[in-house]
């Protein structure tokens, strides 16, 4: 077994549920307000252009993610009747001034303005079965990864700890997702996952029959395969188990991945000879200790610290992650927004020309 045995860093449960509830409420409020303000700012900018027709104004709104359906003649064809109804509301909107009204009603399942998808594992029993499934997967995964590295893990006496904090989040949300109107490529965090992709959507597990069927299947390959991605955590991170939970895109191309990893920062002696400049970059306070962490990884990772929203995007707790995830307005100014638009159009140099010149 490697030095620094794998330790259980799940927080005590007596006040952890309340801490999670407050963090979710705080996140939901801030994310919804930020997204409404972003949309209103874009509307104000379009109106300031002095465009002659509503059609021209709506076409400018198409530049922003989620608003491509505005002012479309053909009806939506979604199978989900609620999704079809809401998409048709967007398609039937012909005036820019009517756009804010689309965001007054809950916009899910098109997207969630407050960044939360409703829970699917709605009972404590369902969530415990899900955590049991993850525990089995991660134990096997840690053994396989350790063997591949020539390490020995005594997982019988020092097992990978259960993801209890993840279960607390699942009581409030299946997925945390910034609707990302701005095309930043930030990844969602699909905490509930779709473990049973071989069988369609994730079962609700609300009845004993559903729970028995779920437990009997025992098919975990799809979940394990979720760690096979073309991106990596920072080179200073030791990882023994984990799973990818989301991919963010700019246009058709992946930009950021989110993952839930059992990890720690590598000891200093393991980093000797590696030129790694991370002095002064904010990091998780307890990163040198083993623990379950939300970690974000860029598609085109480099051998230097990945920084997003002012810090290394790896977090000791889910509440810490939620506070950071909703902080994007603090790190987006007019120049940064223009840069996102240029990159969406394929300009990699942040040249000083108007991004509209990059239109195909």
Protein backbone atom coordinates (compact mmCIF):
# COMPACT_ATOMS: atom_id res chain seq x y z
CA UNK A 1 0.00 0.00 0.00
CA UNK A 2 1.39 3.48 -0.82
CA UNK A 3 2.42 5.90 1.88
CA UNK A 4 -0.37 8.03 3.29
CA UNK A 5 -3.13 5.43 3.46
CA UNK A 6 -6.45 6.18 1.82
CA UNK A 7 -8.48 8.01 4.42
CA UNK A 8 -12.19 8.53 4.77
CA UNK A 9 -12.70 12.29 4.44
CA UNK A 10 -16.51 12.31 4.29
CA UNK A 11 -17.72 14.94 6.80
CA UNK A 12 -19.80 13.96 9.84
CA UNK A 13 -23.50 13.71 9.02
CA UNK A 14 -25.10 15.60 11.93
CA UNK A 15 -25.04 18.96 10.13
CA UNK A 16 -23.84 17.92 6.64
CA UNK A 17 -27.39 17.69 5.27
CA UNK A 18 -28.16 21.24 6.38
CA UNK A 19 -24.85 22.50 4.96
CA UNK A 20 -25.73 20.95 1.60
CA UNK A 21 -29.26 22.40 1.63
CA UNK A 22 -27.97 25.90 2.28
CA UNK A 23 -25.29 25.55 -0.40
CA UNK A 24 -27.86 24.41 -2.97
CA UNK A 25 -30.22 27.28 -2.11
CA UNK A 26 -27.36 29.77 -2.32
CA UNK A 27 -26.25 28.36 -5.66
CA UNK A 28 -29.76 28.27 -7.14
CA UNK A 29 -30.44 31.90 -6.23
CA UNK A 30 -27.16 33.23 -7.57
CA UNK A 31 -27.18 31.21 -10.81
CA UNK A 32 -30.74 32.21 -11.71
CA UNK A 33 -30.05 35.90 -11.04
CA UNK A 34 -26.81 35.82 -13.05
CA UNK A 35 -28.46 34.18 -16.04
CA UNK A 36 -31.42 36.57 -16.07
CA UNK A 37 -29.04 39.52 -15.91
CA UNK A 38 -26.91 38.09 -18.72
CA UNK A 39 -29.95 37.78 -21.00
CA UNK A 40 -31.17 41.29 -20.14
CA UNK A 41 -27.72 42.74 -20.85
CA UNK A 42 -27.68 41.10 -24.28
CA UNK A 43 -31.17 42.47 -25.02
CA UNK A 44 -30.05 45.96 -24.01
CA UNK A 45 -26.97 45.69 -26.26
CA UNK A 46 -29.08 44.59 -29.22
CA UNK A 47 -31.57 47.41 -28.69
CA UNK A 48 -28.69 49.90 -28.57
CA UNK A 49 -27.67 48.90 -32.09
CA UNK A 50 -30.70 50.64 -33.55
CA UNK A 51 -31.68 47.73 -35.79
CA UNK A 52 -34.68 48.44 -37.99
CA UNK A 53 -36.76 45.27 -37.56
CA UNK A 54 -37.64 42.76 -34.87
CA UNK A 55 -36.38 40.01 -37.14
CA UNK A 56 -32.90 41.58 -37.18
CA UNK A 57 -32.95 41.89 -33.40
CA UNK A 58 -34.01 38.26 -32.92
CA UNK A 59 -31.27 37.12 -35.28
CA UNK A 60 -28.71 38.82 -33.03
CA UNK A 61 -30.17 36.90 -30.09
CA UNK A 62 -29.48 33.68 -31.97
CA UNK A 63 -25.79 34.30 -31.22
CA UNK A 64 -26.35 33.13 -27.66
CA UNK A 65 -26.73 29.49 -26.68
CA UNK A 66 -30.28 28.23 -26.02
CA UNK A 67 -31.91 31.02 -28.04
CA UNK A 68 -31.51 29.55 -31.54
CA UNK A 69 -35.20 28.54 -31.55
CA UNK A 70 -36.54 32.08 -31.39
CA UNK A 71 -38.82 33.13 -34.27
CA UNK A 72 -38.95 29.82 -36.12
CA UNK A 73 -41.86 28.91 -38.37
CA UNK A 74 -41.81 25.13 -38.02
CA UNK A 75 -43.21 23.51 -34.87
CA UNK A 76 -40.99 21.57 -32.47
CA UNK A 77 -40.95 17.80 -32.80
CA UNK A 78 -39.68 16.75 -29.35
CA UNK A 79 -41.15 13.52 -27.98
CA UNK A 80 -41.53 14.94 -24.48
CA UNK A 81 -44.80 16.97 -24.56
CA UNK A 82 -43.59 19.45 -21.94
CA UNK A 83 -40.31 20.01 -23.77
CA UNK A 84 -42.21 20.39 -27.05
CA UNK A 85 -44.58 22.96 -25.48
CA UNK A 86 -41.75 25.08 -24.11
CA UNK A 87 -39.70 24.90 -27.27
CA UNK A 88 -42.73 26.07 -29.24
CA UNK A 89 -43.01 29.06 -26.90
CA UNK A 90 -39.50 30.03 -27.98
CA UNK A 91 -40.28 29.38 -31.65
CA UNK A 92 -43.40 31.55 -31.51
CA UNK A 93 -41.57 34.49 -29.93
CA UNK A 94 -41.18 37.17 -32.63
CA UNK A 95 -40.16 40.23 -30.60
CA UNK A 96 -37.04 40.80 -28.56
CA UNK A 97 -39.00 42.46 -25.75
CA UNK A 98 -40.89 39.19 -25.21
CA UNK A 99 -37.74 37.15 -24.48
CA UNK A 100 -37.53 37.85 -20.70
CA UNK A 101 -41.06 36.48 -20.27
CA UNK A 102 -39.79 33.11 -21.51
CA UNK A 103 -37.57 32.92 -18.43
CA UNK A 104 -40.29 33.66 -15.87
CA UNK A 105 -41.73 30.14 -16.08
CA UNK A 106 -39.54 27.15 -15.22
CA UNK A 107 -37.57 26.47 -18.40
CA UNK A 108 -36.76 22.83 -17.60
CA UNK A 109 -36.52 20.45 -19.51
CA UNK A 110 -35.11 22.78 -22.20
CA UNK A 111 -32.60 24.04 -19.64
CA UNK A 112 -32.64 25.10 -16.02
CA UNK A 113 -32.15 28.80 -15.46
CA UNK A 114 -31.11 28.16 -11.86
CA UNK A 115 -28.64 25.46 -12.93
CA UNK A 116 -30.33 22.50 -11.20
CA UNK A 117 -32.07 19.51 -12.73
CA UNK A 118 -34.64 17.95 -10.36
CA UNK A 119 -33.67 14.80 -8.45
CA UNK A 120 -34.45 11.38 -9.91
CA UNK A 121 -33.38 9.29 -6.94
CA UNK A 122 -36.17 10.60 -4.75
CA UNK A 123 -35.97 8.30 -1.74
CA UNK A 124 -33.15 7.63 0.75
CA UNK A 125 -33.29 3.94 -0.21
CA UNK A 126 -32.77 4.73 -3.90
CA UNK A 127 -29.81 6.97 -3.13
CA UNK A 128 -28.21 4.35 -0.90
CA UNK A 129 -28.49 1.71 -3.63
CA UNK A 130 -26.86 4.11 -6.05
CA UNK A 131 -24.01 4.81 -3.61
CA UNK A 132 -23.59 1.07 -3.06
CA UNK A 133 -23.23 0.66 -6.82
CA UNK A 134 -20.61 3.39 -7.00
CA UNK A 135 -18.75 1.85 -4.06
CA UNK A 136 -18.46 -1.50 -5.84
CA UNK A 137 -17.31 0.19 -9.03
CA UNK A 138 -14.70 2.34 -7.33
CA UNK A 139 -13.26 -0.53 -5.29
CA UNK A 140 -12.73 -2.55 -8.47
CA UNK A 141 -11.45 0.49 -10.31
CA UNK A 142 -8.87 1.29 -7.62
CA UNK A 143 -7.60 -2.28 -7.67
CA UNK A 144 -7.21 -2.22 -11.46
CA UNK A 145 -5.51 1.17 -11.51
CA UNK A 146 -3.14 0.21 -8.70
CA UNK A 147 -2.20 -3.03 -10.47
CA UNK A 148 -1.51 -1.11 -13.68
CA UNK A 149 0.85 1.18 -11.73
CA UNK A 150 2.55 -1.71 -9.93
CA UNK A 151 1.13 -0.55 -6.58
CA UNK A 152 -0.52 -2.61 -3.86
CA UNK A 153 -3.66 -1.36 -2.15
CA UNK A 154 -5.00 -3.18 0.90
CA UNK A 155 -8.57 -2.31 0.10
CA UNK A 156 -9.92 -4.95 2.47
CA UNK A 157 -8.68 -2.99 5.50
CA UNK A 158 -8.52 0.47 3.86
CA UNK A 159 -11.42 0.62 1.37
CA UNK A 160 -12.18 3.56 -0.85
CA UNK A 161 -14.69 5.58 1.24
CA UNK A 162 -18.29 5.89 0.16
CA UNK A 163 -19.38 9.07 -1.64
CA UNK A 164 -21.75 10.13 1.12
CA UNK A 165 -21.58 13.81 0.16
CA UNK A 166 -22.64 12.97 -3.38
CA UNK A 167 -25.72 11.26 -1.95
CA UNK A 168 -26.62 14.45 -0.10
CA UNK A 169 -26.48 16.44 -3.34
CA UNK A 170 -28.68 13.86 -5.07
CA UNK A 171 -31.47 14.64 -2.61
CA UNK A 172 -31.71 18.08 -4.28
CA UNK A 173 -30.55 17.61 -7.87
CA UNK A 174 -29.82 14.96 -10.48
CA UNK A 175 -27.51 17.36 -12.31
CA UNK A 176 -25.85 20.72 -11.82
CA UNK A 177 -25.69 22.51 -15.18
CA UNK A 178 -24.91 26.08 -16.11
CA UNK A 179 -27.08 26.80 -19.19
CA UNK A 180 -23.98 28.61 -20.50
CA UNK A 181 -25.69 31.15 -22.74
CA UNK A 182 -22.22 32.67 -23.25
CA UNK A 183 -20.64 29.59 -24.98
CA UNK A 184 -17.83 29.16 -22.42
CA UNK A 185 -17.76 25.36 -22.67
CA UNK A 186 -18.16 24.88 -18.91
CA UNK A 187 -19.13 21.27 -18.16
CA UNK A 188 -22.20 20.18 -16.19
CA UNK A 189 -21.93 17.84 -13.21
CA UNK A 190 -24.33 14.95 -13.69
CA UNK A 191 -24.22 13.69 -10.12
CA UNK A 192 -26.84 10.99 -10.70
CA UNK A 193 -25.17 9.64 -13.85
CA UNK A 194 -26.79 7.23 -16.26
CA UNK A 195 -25.23 4.04 -14.94
CA UNK A 196 -27.65 1.76 -16.73
CA UNK A 197 -27.22 3.12 -20.25
CA UNK A 198 -27.59 -0.43 -21.61
CA UNK A 199 -31.19 -0.37 -20.40
CA UNK A 200 -32.27 3.16 -21.24
CA UNK A 201 -32.72 5.89 -18.68
CA UNK A 202 -31.80 5.61 -15.04
CA UNK A 203 -34.64 3.98 -13.05
CA UNK A 204 -36.29 5.97 -10.31
CA UNK A 205 -35.76 3.18 -7.73
CA UNK A 206 -38.80 4.37 -5.79
CA UNK A 207 -40.40 0.92 -5.48
CA UNK A 208 -38.93 -2.26 -4.05
CA UNK A 209 -39.39 -3.98 -7.43
CA UNK A 210 -37.36 -1.27 -9.20
CA UNK A 211 -34.64 -1.50 -6.58
CA UNK A 212 -34.45 -5.30 -6.81
CA UNK A 213 -34.20 -5.19 -10.61
CA UNK A 214 -31.53 -2.50 -10.49
CA UNK A 215 -29.44 -4.38 -7.92
CA UNK A 216 -29.77 -7.67 -9.82
CA UNK A 217 -28.36 -6.30 -13.06
CA UNK A 218 -24.90 -5.63 -11.68
CA UNK A 219 -23.66 -4.12 -14.97
CA UNK A 220 -21.01 -1.52 -14.13
CA UNK A 221 -18.89 -1.48 -17.30
CA UNK A 222 -20.54 1.65 -18.69
CA UNK A 223 -19.75 3.58 -15.51
CA UNK A 224 -16.11 2.50 -15.42
CA UNK A 225 -15.69 3.47 -19.06
CA UNK A 226 -16.70 7.03 -18.23
CA UNK A 227 -13.15 7.68 -16.98
CA UNK A 228 -11.67 7.03 -20.44
CA UNK A 229 -11.44 10.57 -21.78
CA UNK A 230 -8.83 12.54 -23.75
CA UNK A 231 -8.24 14.93 -20.84
CA UNK A 232 -6.32 14.54 -17.59
CA UNK A 233 -6.25 16.17 -14.18
CA UNK A 234 -3.28 18.39 -13.35
CA UNK A 235 -0.01 16.46 -13.20
CA UNK A 236 0.34 17.14 -9.46
CA UNK A 237 -2.77 15.09 -8.64
CA UNK A 238 -2.76 11.46 -7.46
CA UNK A 239 -6.02 9.68 -8.35
CA UNK A 240 -7.16 6.23 -7.17
CA UNK A 241 -10.75 6.17 -8.37
CA UNK A 242 -13.34 8.37 -10.03
CA UNK A 243 -15.80 8.98 -12.80
CA UNK A 244 -16.41 11.62 -15.46
CA UNK A 245 -19.68 13.43 -14.81
CA UNK A 246 -20.04 15.87 -17.68
CA UNK A 247 -18.66 17.41 -20.86
CA UNK A 248 -18.96 21.05 -21.87
CA UNK A 249 -18.82 22.09 -25.52
CA UNK A 250 -17.93 25.15 -27.54
CA UNK A 251 -19.86 24.59 -30.73
CA UNK A 252 -19.36 20.91 -31.56
CA UNK A 253 -16.06 20.53 -29.73
CA UNK A 254 -15.43 19.47 -26.10
CA UNK A 255 -13.87 22.17 -23.94
CA UNK A 256 -14.16 21.16 -20.27
CA UNK A 257 -14.85 17.88 -18.45
CA UNK A 258 -16.12 17.50 -14.90
CA UNK A 259 -15.22 14.50 -12.77
CA UNK A 260 -15.64 13.16 -9.26
CA UNK A 261 -12.27 11.82 -8.15
CA UNK A 262 -10.77 10.23 -5.06
CA UNK A 263 -7.51 12.14 -5.08
CA UNK A 264 -4.87 14.23 -3.35
CA UNK A 265 -2.02 16.51 -4.33
CA UNK A 266 1.16 14.52 -4.93
CA UNK A 267 3.83 14.77 -2.22
CA UNK A 268 6.59 17.25 -3.03
CA UNK A 269 9.17 14.49 -3.50
CA UNK A 270 7.06 12.97 -6.28
CA UNK A 271 7.13 16.27 -8.16
CA UNK A 272 10.92 16.64 -8.23
CA UNK A 273 12.17 17.36 -11.72
CA UNK A 274 8.74 18.56 -12.92
CA UNK A 275 8.68 22.27 -13.75
CA UNK A 276 5.25 23.13 -12.40
CA UNK A 277 4.44 26.77 -11.72
CA UNK A 278 1.46 26.93 -9.40
CA UNK A 279 2.68 29.39 -6.79
CA UNK A 280 -0.03 31.87 -5.90
CA UNK A 281 -2.84 29.94 -7.63
CA UNK A 282 -5.75 29.29 -5.28
CA UNK A 283 -6.33 25.61 -4.59
CA UNK A 284 -8.52 23.42 -2.38
CA UNK A 285 -7.36 24.01 1.23
CA UNK A 286 -7.05 20.30 2.06
CA UNK A 287 -5.77 19.15 -1.33
CA UNK A 288 -2.82 17.26 0.22
CA UNK A 289 -5.22 14.88 1.97
CA UNK A 290 -7.04 12.01 0.27
CA UNK A 291 -10.68 12.78 -0.39
CA UNK A 292 -13.53 12.80 -2.88
CA UNK A 293 -13.39 15.98 -4.99
CA UNK A 294 -15.14 17.61 -7.91
CA UNK A 295 -12.39 18.29 -10.47
CA UNK A 296 -12.60 20.11 -13.82
CA UNK A 297 -10.22 19.26 -16.66
CA UNK A 298 -9.65 21.09 -19.92
CA UNK A 299 -9.80 19.20 -23.21
CA UNK A 300 -6.42 20.51 -24.32
CA UNK A 301 -4.65 20.19 -20.99
CA UNK A 302 -1.10 21.46 -20.55
CA UNK A 303 1.67 20.66 -18.08
CA UNK A 304 0.85 23.76 -16.06
CA UNK A 305 -2.00 24.38 -13.59
CA UNK A 306 -5.44 24.55 -15.12
CA UNK A 307 -7.17 27.69 -13.89
CA UNK A 308 -10.85 28.55 -14.22
CA UNK A 309 -12.80 31.33 -12.48
CA UNK A 310 -9.70 32.49 -10.63
CA UNK A 311 -8.47 29.20 -9.15
CA UNK A 312 -7.57 25.58 -9.74
CA UNK A 313 -10.95 23.94 -10.41
CA UNK A 314 -10.79 21.19 -7.78
CA UNK A 315 -12.76 21.29 -4.55
CA UNK A 316 -12.67 19.70 -1.11
CA UNK A 317 -16.47 19.71 -0.88
CA UNK A 318 -19.53 19.97 -3.08
CA UNK A 319 -20.71 23.17 -1.34
CA UNK A 320 -17.31 24.70 -2.16
CA UNK A 321 -17.79 23.63 -5.77
CA UNK A 322 -21.33 25.06 -5.96
CA UNK A 323 -20.20 28.46 -4.70
CA UNK A 324 -17.45 28.52 -7.33
CA UNK A 325 -19.64 27.25 -10.19
CA UNK A 326 -22.08 30.12 -9.74
CA UNK A 327 -19.29 32.71 -9.54
CA UNK A 328 -18.75 33.00 -13.32
CA UNK A 329 -20.12 36.59 -13.57
CA UNK A 330 -17.26 37.74 -11.32
CA UNK A 331 -14.75 36.65 -13.99
CA UNK A 332 -16.51 37.77 -17.17
CA UNK A 333 -16.08 41.30 -18.50
CA UNK A 334 -16.86 42.71 -21.95
CA UNK A 335 -13.46 41.70 -23.31
CA UNK A 336 -13.83 38.18 -21.95
CA UNK A 337 -17.26 37.84 -23.51
CA UNK A 338 -15.92 39.00 -26.87
CA UNK A 339 -13.13 36.43 -26.57
CA UNK A 340 -15.69 33.65 -26.05
CA UNK A 341 -17.56 34.76 -29.17
CA UNK A 342 -14.36 34.86 -31.22
CA UNK A 343 -13.37 31.38 -30.13
CA UNK A 344 -16.82 30.08 -31.02
CA UNK A 345 -16.28 31.47 -34.52
CA UNK A 346 -12.92 29.69 -34.76
CA UNK A 347 -10.55 32.58 -34.05
CA UNK A 348 -7.85 31.18 -31.75
CA UNK A 349 -5.73 34.31 -31.52
CA UNK A 350 -8.11 36.81 -29.88
CA UNK A 351 -7.35 39.25 -32.68
CA UNK A 352 -8.78 42.72 -32.40
CA UNK A 353 -11.22 42.47 -35.31
CA UNK A 354 -14.98 42.38 -34.73
CA UNK A 355 -15.96 38.72 -34.28
CA UNK A 356 -18.66 39.13 -36.91
CA UNK A 357 -15.86 39.18 -39.48
CA UNK A 358 -15.33 35.50 -38.65
CA UNK A 359 -18.77 34.52 -39.82
CA UNK A 360 -18.53 31.69 -42.41
